[in-house]
PDB file of N, CA and C in Angstrom:
ATOM      1  N   MET A   1      55.001  38.416 218.678  1.00  0.00           N
ATOM      2  CA  MET A   1      53.824  38.144 219.394  1.00  0.00           C
ATOM      3  C   MET A   1      53.171  36.911 219.211  1.00  0.00           C
ATOM      4  N   LYS A   2      52.557  36.347 219.578  1.00  0.00           N
ATOM      5  CA  LYS A   2      51.586  35.288 219.097  1.00  0.00           C
ATOM      6  C   LYS A   2      50.198  35.668 219.516  1.00  0.00           C
ATOM      7  N   ILE A   3      49.335  35.498 218.700  1.00  0.00           N
ATOM      8  CA  ILE A   3      48.044  35.681 219.469  1.00  0.00           C
ATOM      9  C   ILE A   3      47.338  34.160 218.755  1.00  0.00           C
ATOM     10  N   SER A   4      46.684  33.908 219.375  1.00  0.00           N
ATOM     11  CA  SER A   4      45.766  32.378 218.837  1.00  0.00           C
ATOM     12  C   SER A   4      46.401  31.340 217.781  1.00  0.00           C
ATOM     13  N   GLY A   5      47.871  31.397 218.133  1.00  0.00           N
ATOM     14  CA  GLY A   5      48.783  30.173 217.293  1.00  0.00           C
ATOM     15  C   GLY A   5      48.664  31.076 216.035  1.00  0.00           C
ATOM     16  N   CYS A   6      48.832  32.162 215.877  1.00  0.00           N
ATOM     17  CA  CYS A   6      49.386  33.497 214.869  1.00  0.00           C
ATOM     18  C   CYS A   6      50.410  34.431 215.110  1.00  0.00           C
ATOM     19  N   HIS A   7      51.343  34.488 214.243  1.00  0.00           N
ATOM     20  CA  HIS A   7      51.931  35.805 214.851  1.00  0.00           C
ATOM     21  C   HIS A   7      51.650  36.811 214.229  1.00  0.00           C
ATOM     22  N   GLN A   8      51.774  38.076 214.901  1.00  0.00           N
ATOM     23  CA  GLN A   8      51.156  39.278 214.791  1.00  0.00           C
ATOM     24  C   GLN A   8      51.899  40.179 213.817  1.00  0.00           C
ATOM     25  N   SER A   9      52.991  39.840 213.250  1.00  0.00           N
ATOM     26  CA  SER A   9      53.583  40.534 212.272  1.00  0.00           C
ATOM     27  C   SER A   9      54.290  39.798 210.834  1.00  0.00           C
ATOM     28  N   GLU A  10      54.559  40.343 209.751  1.00  0.00           N
ATOM     29  CA  GLU A  10      54.721  39.247 208.891  1.00  0.00           C
ATOM     30  C   GLU A  10      56.268  39.192 209.593  1.00  0.00           C
ATOM     31  N   THR A  11      56.999  40.373 209.324  1.00  0.00           N
ATOM     32  CA  THR A  11      58.301  40.231 210.234  1.00  0.00           C
ATOM     33  C   THR A  11      59.021  39.438 211.066  1.00  0.00           C
ATOM     34  N   GLY A  12      57.690  39.191 212.062  1.00  0.00           N
ATOM     35  CA  GLY A  12      58.205  38.132 212.825  1.00  0.00           C
ATOM     36  C   GLY A  12      58.028  36.555 212.573  1.00  0.00           C
ATOM     37  N   ALA A  13      57.026  36.667 211.515  1.00  0.00           N
ATOM     38  CA  ALA A  13      56.509  35.093 211.446  1.00  0.00           C
ATOM     39  C   ALA A  13      58.306  34.776 210.001  1.00  0.00           C
ATOM     40  N   ALA A  14      58.218  35.820 209.547  1.00  0.00           N
ATOM     41  CA  ALA A  14      59.430  35.271 208.859  1.00  0.00           C
ATOM     42  C   ALA A  14      61.083  35.373 209.959  1.00  0.00           C
ATOM     43  N   ALA A  15      61.286  35.770 210.794  1.00  0.00           N
ATOM     44  CA  ALA A  15      62.227  35.539 211.588  1.00  0.00           C
ATOM     45  C   ALA A  15      62.126  34.236 212.231  1.00  0.00           C
ATOM     46  N   TRP A  16      60.835  34.036 213.119  1.00  0.00           N
ATOM     47  CA  TRP A  16      60.797  32.781 213.019  1.00  0.00           C
ATOM     48  C   TRP A  16      61.317  31.432 211.987  1.00  0.00           C
ATOM     49  N   LEU A  17      60.546  31.802 210.657  1.00  0.00           N
ATOM     50  CA  LEU A  17      60.945  30.435 210.121  1.00  0.00           C
ATOM     51  C   LEU A  17      62.070  30.479 209.541  1.00  0.00           C
ATOM     52  N   ALA A  18      62.752  31.603 209.457  1.00  0.00           N
ATOM     53  CA  ALA A  18      64.578  31.328 209.378  1.00  0.00           C
ATOM     54  C   ALA A  18      65.156  30.616 210.212  1.00  0.00           C
ATOM     55  N   VAL A  19      64.394  31.057 211.853  1.00  0.00           N
ATOM     56  CA  VAL A  19      65.533  30.222 212.657  1.00  0.00           C
ATOM     57  C   VAL A  19      65.017  28.652 212.465  1.00  0.00           C
ATOM     58  N   ARG A  20      63.778  28.609 212.817  1.00  0.00           N
ATOM     59  CA  ARG A  20      63.465  27.623 212.368  1.00  0.00           C
ATOM     60  C   ARG A  20      63.908  26.495 211.484  1.00  0.00           C
ATOM     61  N   SER A  21      64.220  27.013 210.036  1.00  0.00           N
ATOM     62  CA  SER A  21      64.532  26.525 208.967  1.00  0.00           C
ATOM     63  C   SER A  21      66.362  26.205 209.302  1.00  0.00           C
ATOM     64  N   TYR A  22      67.013  27.230 209.665  1.00  0.00           N
ATOM     65  CA  TYR A  22      68.002  26.984 210.406  1.00  0.00           C
ATOM     66  C   TYR A  22      68.076  25.434 211.130  1.00  0.00           C
ATOM     67  N   LEU A  23      67.484  25.342 212.159  1.00  0.00           N
ATOM     68  CA  LEU A  23      67.672  24.532 213.722  1.00  0.00           C
ATOM     69  C   LEU A  23      67.168  22.808 212.710  1.00  0.00           C
ATOM     70  N   ASP A  24      66.115  23.280 211.779  1.00  0.00           N
ATOM     71  CA  ASP A  24      65.666  21.876 211.072  1.00  0.00           C
ATOM     72  C   ASP A  24      67.117  21.412 210.035  1.00  0.00           C
ATOM     73  N   SER A  25      67.265  22.175 209.423  1.00  0.00           N
ATOM     74  CA  SER A  25      68.437  21.940 208.574  1.00  0.00           C
ATOM     75  C   SER A  25      69.511  21.138 209.173  1.00  0.00           C
ATOM     76  N   ALA A  26      70.001  21.899 210.415  1.00  0.00           N
ATOM     77  CA  ALA A  26      71.309  21.183 211.068  1.00  0.00           C
ATOM     78  C   ALA A  26      70.628  20.036 211.745  1.00  0.00           C
ATOM     79  N   ARG A  27      69.545  19.659 212.249  1.00  0.00           N
ATOM     80  CA  ARG A  27      69.365  18.228 213.008  1.00  0.00           C
ATOM     81  C   ARG A  27      69.135  17.446 211.673  1.00  0.00           C
ATOM     82  N   LYS A  28      68.716  17.570 210.525  1.00  0.00           N
ATOM     83  CA  LYS A  28      68.804  16.767 209.364  1.00  0.00           C
ATOM     84  C   LYS A  28      70.461  16.229 208.976  1.00  0.00           C
ATOM     85  N   HIS A  29      71.103  16.992 209.335  1.00  0.00           N
ATOM     86  CA  HIS A  29      72.935  16.926 209.047  1.00  0.00           C
ATOM     87  C   HIS A  29      73.735  16.514 210.091  1.00  0.00           C
ATOM     88  N   GLY A  30      72.476  15.769 211.065  1.00  0.00           N
ATOM     89  CA  GLY A  30      73.255  15.344 212.666  1.00  0.00           C
ATOM     90  C   GLY A  30      73.875  16.521 213.838  1.00  0.00           C
ATOM     91  N   LEU A  31      73.225  17.033 213.857  1.00  0.00           N
ATOM     92  CA  LEU A  31      73.552  18.472 214.716  1.00  0.00           C
ATOM     93  C   LEU A  31      72.166  19.019 215.607  1.00  0.00           C
ATOM     94  N   ASN A  32      72.771  19.014 216.964  1.00  0.00           N
ATOM     95  CA  ASN A  32      71.679  18.798 217.695  1.00  0.00           C
ATOM     96  C   ASN A  32      71.356  20.203 217.951  1.00  0.00           C
ATOM     97  N   ALA A  33      70.075  20.107 218.024  1.00  0.00           N
ATOM     98  CA  ALA A  33      69.352  22.424 217.779  1.00  0.00           C
ATOM     99  C   ALA A  33      70.314  23.004 218.921  1.00  0.00           C
ATOM    100  N   PHE A  34      70.552  22.497 219.965  1.00  0.00           N
ATOM    101  CA  PHE A  34      71.871  23.349 221.048  1.00  0.00           C
ATOM    102  C   PHE A  34      73.257  23.588 220.288  1.00  0.00           C
ATOM    103  N   ASP A  35      73.898  22.506 219.928  1.00  0.00           N
ATOM    104  CA  ASP A  35      75.032  23.136 219.276  1.00  0.00           C
ATOM    105  C   ASP A  35      74.829  23.949 217.947  1.00  0.00           C
ATOM    106  N   ALA A  36      73.789  23.803 217.529  1.00  0.00           N
ATOM    107  CA  ALA A  36      73.734  24.813 216.496  1.00  0.00           C
ATOM    108  C   ALA A  36      72.828  26.391 216.803  1.00  0.00           C
ATOM    109  N   ILE A  37      72.534  26.426 217.975  1.00  0.00           N
ATOM    110  CA  ILE A  37      72.242  27.909 219.020  1.00  0.00           C
ATOM    111  C   ILE A  37      73.459  28.523 218.900  1.00  0.00           C
ATOM    112  N   ARG A  38      74.265  27.055 219.532  1.00  0.00           N
ATOM    113  CA  ARG A  38      75.724  27.714 220.329  1.00  0.00           C
ATOM    114  C   ARG A  38      76.734  28.227 219.077  1.00  0.00           C
ATOM    115  N   ARG A  39      76.311  27.645 218.181  1.00  0.00           N
ATOM    116  CA  ARG A  39      77.272  28.143 217.217  1.00  0.00           C
ATOM    117  C   ARG A  39      77.135  29.550 216.724  1.00  0.00           C
ATOM    118  N   ALA A  40      75.469  29.033 216.506  1.00  0.00           N
ATOM    119  CA  ALA A  40      75.114  30.556 215.908  1.00  0.00           C
ATOM    120  C   ALA A  40      75.475  31.973 216.716  1.00  0.00           C
ATOM    121  N   PHE A  41      75.515  31.827 218.040  1.00  0.00           N
ATOM    122  CA  PHE A  41      75.439  33.210 219.115  1.00  0.00           C
ATOM    123  C   PHE A  41      77.178  33.145 219.200  1.00  0.00           C
ATOM    124  N   THR A  42      77.844  31.661 218.420  1.00  0.00           N
ATOM    125  CA  THR A  42      79.717  32.204 219.008  1.00  0.00           C
ATOM    126  C   THR A  42      79.885  33.074 217.530  1.00  0.00           C
ATOM    127  N   GLY A  43      79.062  33.226 216.466  1.00  0.00           N
ATOM    128  CA  GLY A  43      79.739  33.591 215.473  1.00  0.00           C
ATOM    129  C   GLY A  43      80.685  32.541 214.085  1.00  0.00           C
ATOM    130  N   HIS A  44      79.841  30.927 214.479  1.00  0.00           N
ATOM    131  CA  HIS A  44      79.965  29.881 213.707  1.00  0.00           C
ATOM    132  C   HIS A  44      79.137  29.369 213.424  1.00  0.00           C
ATOM    133  N   LEU A  45      78.509  29.897 212.679  1.00  0.00           N
ATOM    134  CA  LEU A  45      77.564  29.197 211.812  1.00  0.00           C
ATOM    135  C   LEU A  45      77.179  28.100 211.131  1.00  0.00           C
ATOM    136  N   TRP A  46      76.841  27.033 211.632  1.00  0.00           N
ATOM    137  CA  TRP A  46      76.689  25.869 210.639  1.00  0.00           C
ATOM    138  C   TRP A  46      76.213  26.332 209.372  1.00  0.00           C
ATOM    139  N   MET A  47      76.642  25.455 208.396  1.00  0.00           N
ATOM    140  CA  MET A  47      76.204  25.679 207.174  1.00  0.00           C
ATOM    141  C   MET A  47      76.221  24.355 206.525  1.00  0.00           C
ATOM    142  N   PRO A  48      75.377  24.004 205.905  1.00  0.00           N
ATOM    143  CA  PRO A  48      75.126  22.366 204.766  1.00  0.00           C
ATOM    144  C   PRO A  48      75.919  21.998 204.060  1.00  0.00           C
ATOM    145  N   PRO A  49      76.461  21.170 204.134  1.00  0.00           N
ATOM    146  CA  PRO A  49      77.942  20.472 203.326  1.00  0.00           C
ATOM    147  C   PRO A  49      77.025  21.307 201.737  1.00  0.00           C
ATOM    148  N   ILE A  50      77.832  21.919 200.812  1.00  0.00           N
ATOM    149  CA  ILE A  50      77.601  22.399 199.362  1.00  0.00           C
ATOM    150  C   ILE A  50      77.221  20.907 198.319  1.00  0.00           C
ATOM    151  N   ALA A  51      76.355  20.734 197.854  1.00  0.00           N
ATOM    152  CA  ALA A  51      76.409  19.665 196.750  1.00  0.00           C
ATOM    153  C   ALA A  51      77.656  19.843 195.937  1.00  0.00           C
ATOM    154  N   LEU A  52      78.252  18.592 195.443  1.00  0.00           N
ATOM    155  CA  LEU A  52      79.239  18.614 194.009  1.00  0.00           C
ATOM    156  C   LEU A  52      78.682  18.211 193.171  1.00  0.00           C
ATOM    157  N   THR A  53      79.028  19.484 192.288  1.00  0.00           N
ATOM    158  CA  THR A  53      78.421  18.880 190.892  1.00  0.00           C
ATOM    159  C   THR A  53      79.236  18.602 189.846  1.00  0.00           C
ATOM    160  N   ASN A  54      79.342  17.931 188.327  1.00  0.00           N
ATOM    161  CA  ASN A  54      80.316  17.155 187.715  1.00  0.00           C
ATOM    162  C   ASN A  54      80.411  18.214 186.726  1.00  0.00           C
TER     163      ASN A  54
END
């Protein structure tokens, strides 16, 4: 529950931030929020490409 724009619990805030981070990362890589959410709910999480190291 949000009270005056703040999350009431630390657990709720952490969950909201995890979802927000996932959606922001997906968007930065060209996937829209709806597709990212659909993939998450169907068990096909989008993952960012792994940076290749030499």
